[in-house]
Amino acid sequence: MRSFKALWGVLRYEYTMQIRRPALWLTFLGLTLLMLRIVLSTASDPERLPLRSSTLSLAVVFTGILNILAPLAVGIFLADRLPRDRRTRVEELLNTMPEAPGLRVLGKYLGSTLATLTPAFALYMVSMVAVAYVFQNPLVLLAALLCYVVIVLPGMLFIAAFSLACPAVIWVPLYQFLFFGYWFWGNLLSPNTGLPTLSGTILTPIGGFISRGLFGVSSVGFAKEGTQAEGIASLLALLGIAVLVLVVLERLLSWYQARQ
């Protein structure tokens, strides 16, 4: 019970600190306006008209479109969580707590990730309301919830783990610059360009293999022939790597604390 209270306390603190950042809301407000324009222009494309006959296909396709930029913002905003604790000396206070560092890492991860995903999810649902209105299909909102959990969340959790852990050893602006480049290189660069890339593999958090393998719809990315097994493998790989990164982060922070 004490451990649960400690975990809840860290989670609540992290959520509160992150959700109050004006830049977070302003950024996703700008993305919402951009995505609404993209949604409306895509919906007017004659090639998209067959999607009117399939609620799930409609949700999957627009989930892929909406998932192009939102994870990029999530990763960048999460990158300064650990360095900010050091800068404000909150880290010293946390190190005096008797609870295991693993609980603090988990609470920080869950709290800051949930806070950052709050405006991201709001962006997603506002855009899906526009999709439902344009295509006169309110059931797309229910399908959108399923798509968000299955297609979007695994990649978001994957990104959040790296964005929390990597700045423990990398200068934050450098990590944000590298992450920006990675996002387009590892998710949106065609494997046919001749350059080595993770794009087109099950390790793409943009969710191409998941949408193709589990729903049979190509939404975004280069998983044109993704099978059900590959879709499941992609989902499990993203979640498994996220857990592994958090374990490594906990060990690293424990080592830093022991040296002080």
C-alpha atoms as a PDB file:
ATOM      1  CA  MET A   1       0.000   0.000   0.000  1.00  0.00           C
ATOM      2  CA  ARG A   2       2.842   2.380   0.791  1.00  0.00           C
ATOM      3  CA  SER A   3       4.465   1.673  -2.545  1.00  0.00           C
ATOM      4  CA  PHE A   4       1.183   2.313  -4.340  1.00  0.00           C
ATOM      5  CA  LYS A   5       0.777   5.652  -2.546  1.00  0.00           C
ATOM      6  CA  ALA A   6       4.328   6.618  -3.478  1.00  0.00           C
ATOM      7  CA  LEU A   7       3.732   5.652  -7.111  1.00  0.00           C
ATOM      8  CA  TRP A   8       0.476   7.600  -7.181  1.00  0.00           C
ATOM      9  CA  GLY A   9       2.130  10.622  -5.601  1.00  0.00           C
ATOM     10  CA  VAL A  10       4.904  10.751  -8.213  1.00  0.00           C
ATOM     11  CA  LEU A  11       2.436  10.102 -11.042  1.00  0.00           C
ATOM     12  CA  ARG A  12       0.117  12.877  -9.882  1.00  0.00           C
ATOM     13  CA  TYR A  13       3.006  15.332  -9.460  1.00  0.00           C
ATOM     14  CA  GLU A  14       4.403  14.577 -12.906  1.00  0.00           C
ATOM     15  CA  TYR A  15       1.003  14.811 -14.539  1.00  0.00           C
ATOM     16  CA  THR A  16       0.273  18.159 -12.889  1.00  0.00           C
ATOM     17  CA  MET A  17       3.635  19.664 -13.808  1.00  0.00           C
ATOM     18  CA  GLN A  18       3.417  18.569 -17.435  1.00  0.00           C
ATOM     19  CA  ILE A  19      -0.240  19.366 -18.091  1.00  0.00           C
ATOM     20  CA  ARG A  20       0.230  22.963 -16.936  1.00  0.00           C
ATOM     21  CA  ARG A  21       2.771  23.803 -19.635  1.00  0.00           C
ATOM     22  CA  PRO A  22       1.204  26.414 -21.949  1.00  0.00           C
ATOM     23  CA  ALA A  23       3.564  25.480 -24.791  1.00  0.00           C
ATOM     24  CA  LEU A  24       2.204  21.928 -24.735  1.00  0.00           C
ATOM     25  CA  TRP A  25      -1.370  23.066 -25.336  1.00  0.00           C
ATOM     26  CA  LEU A  26      -0.426  25.752 -27.844  1.00  0.00           C
ATOM     27  CA  THR A  27       1.578  23.266 -29.902  1.00  0.00           C
ATOM     28  CA  PHE A  28      -1.237  20.742 -30.072  1.00  0.00           C
ATOM     29  CA  LEU A  29      -3.733  23.505 -30.801  1.00  0.00           C
ATOM     30  CA  GLY A  30      -1.646  24.423 -33.838  1.00  0.00           C
ATOM     31  CA  LEU A  31      -1.435  20.764 -34.847  1.00  0.00           C
ATOM     32  CA  THR A  32      -5.206  20.443 -34.480  1.00  0.00           C
ATOM     33  CA  LEU A  33      -5.796  23.291 -36.908  1.00  0.00           C
ATOM     34  CA  LEU A  34      -3.301  21.773 -39.338  1.00  0.00           C
ATOM     35  CA  MET A  35      -4.809  18.294 -39.066  1.00  0.00           C
ATOM     36  CA  LEU A  36      -8.355  19.583 -39.527  1.00  0.00           C
ATOM     37  CA  ARG A  37      -7.258  21.139 -42.793  1.00  0.00           C
ATOM     38  CA  ILE A  38      -5.611  17.876 -43.870  1.00  0.00           C
ATOM     39  CA  VAL A  39      -8.689  15.872 -42.868  1.00  0.00           C
ATOM     40  CA  LEU A  40     -10.996  18.114 -44.893  1.00  0.00           C
ATOM     41  CA  SER A  41      -8.742  18.062 -47.949  1.00  0.00           C
ATOM     42  CA  THR A  42      -8.322  14.277 -47.740  1.00  0.00           C
ATOM     43  CA  ALA A  43     -12.054  13.741 -47.343  1.00  0.00           C
ATOM     44  CA  SER A  44     -12.688  15.705 -50.527  1.00  0.00           C
ATOM     45  CA  ASP A  45     -10.314  13.456 -52.500  1.00  0.00           C
ATOM     46  CA  PRO A  46     -12.346  11.232 -54.875  1.00  0.00           C
ATOM     47  CA  GLU A  47      -9.960   8.341 -54.181  1.00  0.00           C
ATOM     48  CA  ARG A  48     -11.153   8.361 -50.558  1.00  0.00           C
ATOM     49  CA  LEU A  49     -14.843   8.048 -51.474  1.00  0.00           C
ATOM     50  CA  PRO A  50     -14.881   4.216 -51.222  1.00  0.00           C
ATOM     51  CA  LEU A  51     -14.008   4.612 -47.528  1.00  0.00           C
ATOM     52  CA  ARG A  52     -17.599   5.738 -46.920  1.00  0.00           C
ATOM     53  CA  SER A  53     -18.659   2.083 -47.075  1.00  0.00           C
ATOM     54  CA  SER A  54     -16.304   0.906 -44.312  1.00  0.00           C
ATOM     55  CA  THR A  55     -16.332   2.500 -40.871  1.00  0.00           C
ATOM     56  CA  LEU A  56     -13.232   0.668 -39.668  1.00  0.00           C
ATOM     57  CA  SER A  57     -11.231   1.435 -42.817  1.00  0.00           C
ATOM     58  CA  LEU A  58     -12.176   5.069 -42.488  1.00  0.00           C
ATOM     59  CA  ALA A  59     -10.963   5.172 -38.887  1.00  0.00           C
ATOM     60  CA  VAL A  60      -7.717   3.328 -39.654  1.00  0.00           C
ATOM     61  CA  VAL A  61      -6.783   5.537 -42.614  1.00  0.00           C
ATOM     62  CA  PHE A  62      -7.368   8.792 -40.763  1.00  0.00           C
ATOM     63  CA  THR A  63      -5.669   7.424 -37.645  1.00  0.00           C
ATOM     64  CA  GLY A  64      -2.566   6.935 -39.771  1.00  0.00           C
ATOM     65  CA  ILE A  65      -2.797  10.470 -41.115  1.00  0.00           C
ATOM     66  CA  LEU A  66      -3.269  11.968 -37.656  1.00  0.00           C
ATOM     67  CA  ASN A  67      -0.387   9.895 -36.297  1.00  0.00           C
ATOM     68  CA  ILE A  68       2.214  11.448 -38.588  1.00  0.00           C
ATOM     69  CA  LEU A  69       3.069  14.511 -36.471  1.00  0.00           C
ATOM     70  CA  ALA A  70       1.532  14.010 -33.010  1.00  0.00           C
ATOM     71  CA  PRO A  71       4.184  11.489 -31.802  1.00  0.00           C
ATOM     72  CA  LEU A  72       6.888  13.930 -32.852  1.00  0.00           C
ATOM     73  CA  ALA A  73       5.483  16.579 -30.522  1.00  0.00           C
ATOM     74  CA  VAL A  74       5.037  14.042 -27.703  1.00  0.00           C
ATOM     75  CA  GLY A  75       8.665  12.934 -27.900  1.00  0.00           C
ATOM     76  CA  ILE A  76      10.042  16.466 -27.950  1.00  0.00           C
ATOM     77  CA  PHE A  77       7.952  17.634 -24.976  1.00  0.00           C
ATOM     78  CA  LEU A  78       8.926  14.629 -22.838  1.00  0.00           C
ATOM     79  CA  ALA A  79      12.638  15.052 -23.432  1.00  0.00           C
ATOM     80  CA  ASP A  80      13.266  17.617 -20.697  1.00  0.00           C
ATOM     81  CA  ARG A  81      11.615  15.834 -17.763  1.00  0.00           C
ATOM     82  CA  LEU A  82      14.741  14.420 -16.097  1.00  0.00           C
ATOM     83  CA  PRO A  83      17.014  17.430 -16.807  1.00  0.00           C
ATOM     84  CA  ARG A  84      14.326  19.755 -15.459  1.00  0.00           C
ATOM     85  CA  ASP A  85      14.311  17.814 -12.179  1.00  0.00           C
ATOM     86  CA  ARG A  86      18.063  18.318 -11.901  1.00  0.00           C
ATOM     87  CA  ARG A  87      17.780  21.995 -12.778  1.00  0.00           C
ATOM     88  CA  THR A  88      15.092  22.649 -10.161  1.00  0.00           C
ATOM     89  CA  ARG A  89      16.773  20.334  -7.601  1.00  0.00           C
ATOM     90  CA  VAL A  90      13.664  18.167  -7.406  1.00  0.00           C
ATOM     91  CA  GLU A  91      15.904  15.182  -8.146  1.00  0.00           C
ATOM     92  CA  GLU A  92      17.737  15.689  -4.836  1.00  0.00           C
ATOM     93  CA  LEU A  93      14.416  15.652  -3.003  1.00  0.00           C
ATOM     94  CA  LEU A  94      13.291  12.483  -4.780  1.00  0.00           C
ATOM     95  CA  ASN A  95      16.563  10.745  -3.923  1.00  0.00           C
ATOM     96  CA  THR A  96      15.803  11.167  -0.218  1.00  0.00           C
ATOM     97  CA  MET A  97      12.615   9.132  -0.557  1.00  0.00           C
ATOM     98  CA  PRO A  98      12.831   5.583   0.847  1.00  0.00           C
ATOM     99  CA  GLU A  99      10.934   4.085  -2.095  1.00  0.00           C
ATOM    100  CA  ALA A 100      12.833   2.200  -4.793  1.00  0.00           C
ATOM    101  CA  PRO A 101      14.032   4.219  -7.802  1.00  0.00           C
ATOM    102  CA  GLY A 102      11.969   1.925 -10.001  1.00  0.00           C
ATOM    103  CA  LEU A 103       8.752   3.311  -8.525  1.00  0.00           C
ATOM    104  CA  ARG A 104       9.884   6.866  -9.168  1.00  0.00           C
ATOM    105  CA  VAL A 105      10.835   6.068 -12.751  1.00  0.00           C
ATOM    106  CA  LEU A 106       7.500   4.346 -13.373  1.00  0.00           C
ATOM    107  CA  GLY A 107       5.554   7.204 -11.770  1.00  0.00           C
ATOM    108  CA  LYS A 108       7.483   9.795 -13.748  1.00  0.00           C
ATOM    109  CA  TYR A 109       6.983   7.856 -16.975  1.00  0.00           C
ATOM    110  CA  LEU A 110       3.256   7.289 -16.486  1.00  0.00           C
ATOM    111  CA  GLY A 111       2.498  10.776 -15.186  1.00  0.00           C
ATOM    112  CA  SER A 112       4.414  12.764 -17.786  1.00  0.00           C
ATOM    113  CA  THR A 113       3.306  10.488 -20.627  1.00  0.00           C
ATOM    114  CA  LEU A 114      -0.367  10.657 -19.679  1.00  0.00           C
ATOM    115  CA  ALA A 115      -0.153  14.439 -19.383  1.00  0.00           C
ATOM    116  CA  THR A 116       1.472  14.806 -22.789  1.00  0.00           C
ATOM    117  CA  LEU A 117      -1.010  12.411 -24.364  1.00  0.00           C
ATOM    118  CA  THR A 118      -3.968  14.392 -23.001  1.00  0.00           C
ATOM    119  CA  PRO A 119      -3.783  17.191 -25.616  1.00  0.00           C
ATOM    120  CA  ALA A 120      -2.602  14.652 -28.210  1.00  0.00           C
ATOM    121  CA  PHE A 121      -5.727  12.562 -27.657  1.00  0.00           C
ATOM    122  CA  ALA A 122      -7.863  15.713 -27.714  1.00  0.00           C
ATOM    123  CA  LEU A 123      -6.310  16.574 -31.107  1.00  0.00           C
ATOM    124  CA  TYR A 124      -7.099  13.073 -32.341  1.00  0.00           C
ATOM    125  CA  MET A 125     -10.734  13.077 -31.222  1.00  0.00           C
ATOM    126  CA  VAL A 126     -11.475  16.593 -32.504  1.00  0.00           C
ATOM    127  CA  SER A 127     -10.122  15.556 -35.889  1.00  0.00           C
ATOM    128  CA  MET A 128     -12.137  12.327 -35.820  1.00  0.00           C
ATOM    129  CA  VAL A 129     -15.291  14.305 -35.048  1.00  0.00           C
ATOM    130  CA  ALA A 130     -14.576  16.227 -38.250  1.00  0.00           C
ATOM    131  CA  VAL A 131     -14.142  12.929 -40.111  1.00  0.00           C
ATOM    132  CA  ALA A 132     -17.445  11.635 -38.719  1.00  0.00           C
ATOM    133  CA  TYR A 133     -19.173  14.844 -39.788  1.00  0.00           C
ATOM    134  CA  VAL A 134     -17.713  14.958 -43.294  1.00  0.00           C
ATOM    135  CA  PHE A 135     -18.491  11.308 -44.009  1.00  0.00           C
ATOM    136  CA  GLN A 136     -21.802  11.398 -42.097  1.00  0.00           C
ATOM    137  CA  ASN A 137     -20.740   8.365 -40.079  1.00  0.00           C
ATOM    138  CA  PRO A 138     -20.888   8.822 -36.290  1.00  0.00           C
ATOM    139  CA  LEU A 139     -19.848   5.208 -35.699  1.00  0.00           C
ATOM    140  CA  VAL A 140     -16.357   6.178 -36.810  1.00  0.00           C
ATOM    141  CA  LEU A 141     -15.835   7.669 -33.346  1.00  0.00           C
ATOM    142  CA  LEU A 142     -16.153   4.235 -31.719  1.00  0.00           C
ATOM    143  CA  ALA A 143     -13.796   2.721 -34.270  1.00  0.00           C
ATOM    144  CA  ALA A 144     -11.405   5.621 -33.659  1.00  0.00           C
ATOM    145  CA  LEU A 145     -11.143   4.733 -29.957  1.00  0.00           C
ATOM    146  CA  LEU A 146     -10.163   1.176 -30.869  1.00  0.00           C
ATOM    147  CA  CYS A 147      -7.637   2.415 -33.430  1.00  0.00           C
ATOM    148  CA  TYR A 148      -6.078   4.802 -30.934  1.00  0.00           C
ATOM    149  CA  VAL A 149      -5.535   2.072 -28.356  1.00  0.00           C
ATOM    150  CA  VAL A 150      -4.217  -0.527 -30.802  1.00  0.00           C
ATOM    151  CA  ILE A 151      -2.376   1.563 -33.413  1.00  0.00           C
ATOM    152  CA  VAL A 152      -1.343   4.794 -31.705  1.00  0.00           C
ATOM    153  CA  LEU A 153      -0.657   3.981 -28.043  1.00  0.00           C
ATOM    154  CA  PRO A 154       2.069   1.313 -28.529  1.00  0.00           C
ATOM    155  CA  GLY A 155       4.150   3.728 -30.581  1.00  0.00           C
ATOM    156  CA  MET A 156       3.509   6.585 -28.167  1.00  0.00           C
ATOM    157  CA  LEU A 157       4.631   4.483 -25.197  1.00  0.00           C
ATOM    158  CA  PHE A 158       7.721   3.419 -27.164  1.00  0.00           C
ATOM    159  CA  ILE A 159       8.612   7.029 -27.962  1.00  0.00           C
ATOM    160  CA  ALA A 160       7.889   8.207 -24.427  1.00  0.00           C
ATOM    161  CA  ALA A 161      10.286   5.666 -22.921  1.00  0.00           C
ATOM    162  CA  PHE A 162      13.172   6.783 -25.127  1.00  0.00           C
ATOM    163  CA  SER A 163      12.365  10.480 -24.691  1.00  0.00           C
ATOM    164  CA  LEU A 164      12.442  10.072 -20.922  1.00  0.00           C
ATOM    165  CA  ALA A 165      15.560   7.896 -20.806  1.00  0.00           C
ATOM    166  CA  CYS A 166      17.915   9.237 -23.465  1.00  0.00           C
ATOM    167  CA  PRO A 167      18.231  12.789 -22.054  1.00  0.00           C
ATOM    168  CA  ALA A 168      19.692  11.179 -18.922  1.00  0.00           C
ATOM    169  CA  VAL A 169      22.899  10.798 -20.950  1.00  0.00           C
ATOM    170  CA  ILE A 170      22.346  13.131 -23.944  1.00  0.00           C
ATOM    171  CA  TRP A 171      22.022  16.926 -23.993  1.00  0.00           C
ATOM    172  CA  VAL A 172      18.303  17.685 -24.411  1.00  0.00           C
ATOM    173  CA  PRO A 173      18.525  19.935 -27.531  1.00  0.00           C
ATOM    174  CA  LEU A 174      20.771  17.345 -29.181  1.00  0.00           C
ATOM    175  CA  TYR A 175      18.330  14.549 -28.407  1.00  0.00           C
ATOM    176  CA  GLN A 176      15.388  16.596 -29.714  1.00  0.00           C
ATOM    177  CA  PHE A 177      17.284  17.304 -32.932  1.00  0.00           C
ATOM    178  CA  LEU A 178      18.197  13.624 -33.357  1.00  0.00           C
ATOM    179  CA  PHE A 179      14.668  12.513 -32.533  1.00  0.00           C
ATOM    180  CA  PHE A 180      13.240  14.894 -35.129  1.00  0.00           C
ATOM    181  CA  GLY A 181      15.515  13.389 -37.772  1.00  0.00           C
ATOM    182  CA  TYR A 182      14.851   9.830 -36.604  1.00  0.00           C
ATOM    183  CA  TRP A 183      11.098  10.254 -36.847  1.00  0.00           C
ATOM    184  CA  PHE A 184      11.163  10.988 -40.567  1.00  0.00           C
ATOM    185  CA  TRP A 185      14.101   8.678 -41.313  1.00  0.00           C
ATOM    186  CA  GLY A 186      12.761   5.694 -39.394  1.00  0.00           C
ATOM    187  CA  ASN A 187       9.070   6.022 -40.214  1.00  0.00           C
ATOM    188  CA  LEU A 188       8.459   7.988 -43.388  1.00  0.00           C
ATOM    189  CA  LEU A 189      11.564   7.396 -45.524  1.00  0.00           C
ATOM    190  CA  SER A 190      10.927   4.812 -48.209  1.00  0.00           C
ATOM    191  CA  PRO A 191      13.114   1.691 -47.916  1.00  0.00           C
ATOM    192  CA  ASN A 192      13.526   1.893 -51.692  1.00  0.00           C
ATOM    193  CA  THR A 193      15.650   5.045 -51.518  1.00  0.00           C
ATOM    194  CA  GLY A 194      18.798   2.973 -51.017  1.00  0.00           C
ATOM    195  CA  LEU A 195      19.502   4.406 -47.569  1.00  0.00           C
ATOM    196  CA  PRO A 196      19.428   2.079 -44.528  1.00  0.00           C
ATOM    197  CA  THR A 197      16.280   2.799 -42.542  1.00  0.00           C
ATOM    198  CA  LEU A 198      13.984   1.235 -39.962  1.00  0.00           C
ATOM    199  CA  SER A 199      11.047   2.349 -42.070  1.00  0.00           C
ATOM    200  CA  GLY A 200       9.109  -0.629 -43.342  1.00  0.00           C
ATOM    201  CA  THR A 201      10.017  -2.832 -40.363  1.00  0.00           C
ATOM    202  CA  ILE A 202       8.038  -3.895 -37.289  1.00  0.00           C
ATOM    203  CA  LEU A 203      10.033  -1.335 -35.262  1.00  0.00           C
ATOM    204  CA  THR A 204       8.212   1.649 -36.742  1.00  0.00           C
ATOM    205  CA  PRO A 205       6.136   3.334 -33.997  1.00  0.00           C
ATOM    206  CA  ILE A 206       4.012   5.124 -36.565  1.00  0.00           C
ATOM    207  CA  GLY A 207       1.900   1.955 -36.624  1.00  0.00           C
ATOM    208  CA  GLY A 208       1.991   0.881 -40.256  1.00  0.00           C
ATOM    209  CA  PHE A 209       2.464  -2.826 -39.571  1.00  0.00           C
ATOM    210  CA  ILE A 210      -0.160  -2.824 -36.822  1.00  0.00           C
ATOM    211  CA  SER A 211      -2.829  -1.214 -38.995  1.00  0.00           C
ATOM    212  CA  ARG A 212      -2.024  -3.408 -41.983  1.00  0.00           C
ATOM    213  CA  GLY A 213      -1.596  -6.640 -40.036  1.00  0.00           C
ATOM    214  CA  LEU A 214      -4.493  -6.347 -37.587  1.00  0.00           C
ATOM    215  CA  PHE A 215      -6.995  -4.360 -39.641  1.00  0.00           C
ATOM    216  CA  GLY A 216      -5.966  -5.165 -43.205  1.00  0.00           C
ATOM    217  CA  VAL A 217      -5.758  -1.486 -44.150  1.00  0.00           C
ATOM    218  CA  SER A 218      -2.672   0.400 -45.315  1.00  0.00           C
ATOM    219  CA  SER A 219      -2.782   3.742 -43.562  1.00  0.00           C
ATOM    220  CA  VAL A 220       0.699   5.245 -43.405  1.00  0.00           C
ATOM    221  CA  GLY A 221       4.267   4.026 -43.674  1.00  0.00           C
ATOM    222  CA  PHE A 222       5.544   1.239 -45.891  1.00  0.00           C
ATOM    223  CA  ALA A 223       3.961  -1.931 -44.482  1.00  0.00           C
ATOM    224  CA  LYS A 224       2.045  -2.708 -47.638  1.00  0.00           C
ATOM    225  CA  GLU A 225       2.065  -6.479 -47.111  1.00  0.00           C
ATOM    226  CA  GLY A 226       1.956  -6.677 -43.324  1.00  0.00           C
ATOM    227  CA  THR A 227       0.509  -9.943 -42.001  1.00  0.00           C
ATOM    228  CA  GLN A 228      -1.432 -10.485 -38.802  1.00  0.00           C
ATOM    229  CA  ALA A 229       1.620 -12.071 -37.185  1.00  0.00           C
ATOM    230  CA  GLU A 230       3.741  -9.065 -38.152  1.00  0.00           C
ATOM    231  CA  GLY A 231       1.120  -6.705 -36.761  1.00  0.00           C
ATOM    232  CA  ILE A 232       1.122  -8.506 -33.413  1.00  0.00           C
ATOM    233  CA  ALA A 233       4.923  -8.710 -33.455  1.00  0.00           C
ATOM    234  CA  SER A 234       5.174  -4.963 -34.065  1.00  0.00           C
ATOM    235  CA  LEU A 235       2.796  -4.171 -31.202  1.00  0.00           C
ATOM    236  CA  LEU A 236       4.599  -6.475 -28.763  1.00  0.00           C
ATOM    237  CA  ALA A 237       8.051  -5.311 -29.871  1.00  0.00           C
ATOM    238  CA  LEU A 238       7.209  -1.652 -29.296  1.00  0.00           C
ATOM    239  CA  LEU A 239       5.791  -2.328 -25.829  1.00  0.00           C
ATOM    240  CA  GLY A 240       8.589  -4.733 -24.895  1.00  0.00           C
ATOM    241  CA  ILE A 241      11.346  -2.319 -25.919  1.00  0.00           C
ATOM    242  CA  ALA A 242       9.626   0.462 -23.956  1.00  0.00           C
ATOM    243  CA  VAL A 243       9.723  -1.701 -20.804  1.00  0.00           C
ATOM    244  CA  LEU A 244      13.373  -2.589 -21.446  1.00  0.00           C
ATOM    245  CA  VAL A 245      14.335   1.075 -21.826  1.00  0.00           C
ATOM    246  CA  LEU A 246      12.642   1.934 -18.526  1.00  0.00           C
ATOM    247  CA  VAL A 247      14.505  -0.895 -16.770  1.00  0.00           C
ATOM    248  CA  VAL A 248      17.810   0.398 -18.119  1.00  0.00           C
ATOM    249  CA  LEU A 249      16.889   3.927 -17.024  1.00  0.00           C
ATOM    250  CA  GLU A 250      16.089   2.717 -13.503  1.00  0.00           C
ATOM    251  CA  ARG A 251      19.453   0.957 -13.263  1.00  0.00           C
ATOM    252  CA  LEU A 252      21.261   4.017 -14.574  1.00  0.00           C
ATOM    253  CA  LEU A 253      19.586   6.362 -12.094  1.00  0.00           C
ATOM    254  CA  SER A 254      20.309   3.931  -9.258  1.00  0.00           C
ATOM    255  CA  TRP A 255      23.981   3.939 -10.284  1.00  0.00           C
ATOM    256  CA  TYR A 256      24.046   7.758 -10.377  1.00  0.00           C
ATOM    257  CA  GLN A 257      22.448   7.902  -6.933  1.00  0.00           C
ATOM    258  CA  ALA A 258      24.925   5.400  -5.469  1.00  0.00           C
ATOM    259  CA  ARG A 259      27.865   7.512  -6.677  1.00  0.00           C
ATOM    260  CA  GLN A 260      26.616  10.678  -4.982  1.00  0.00           C
END
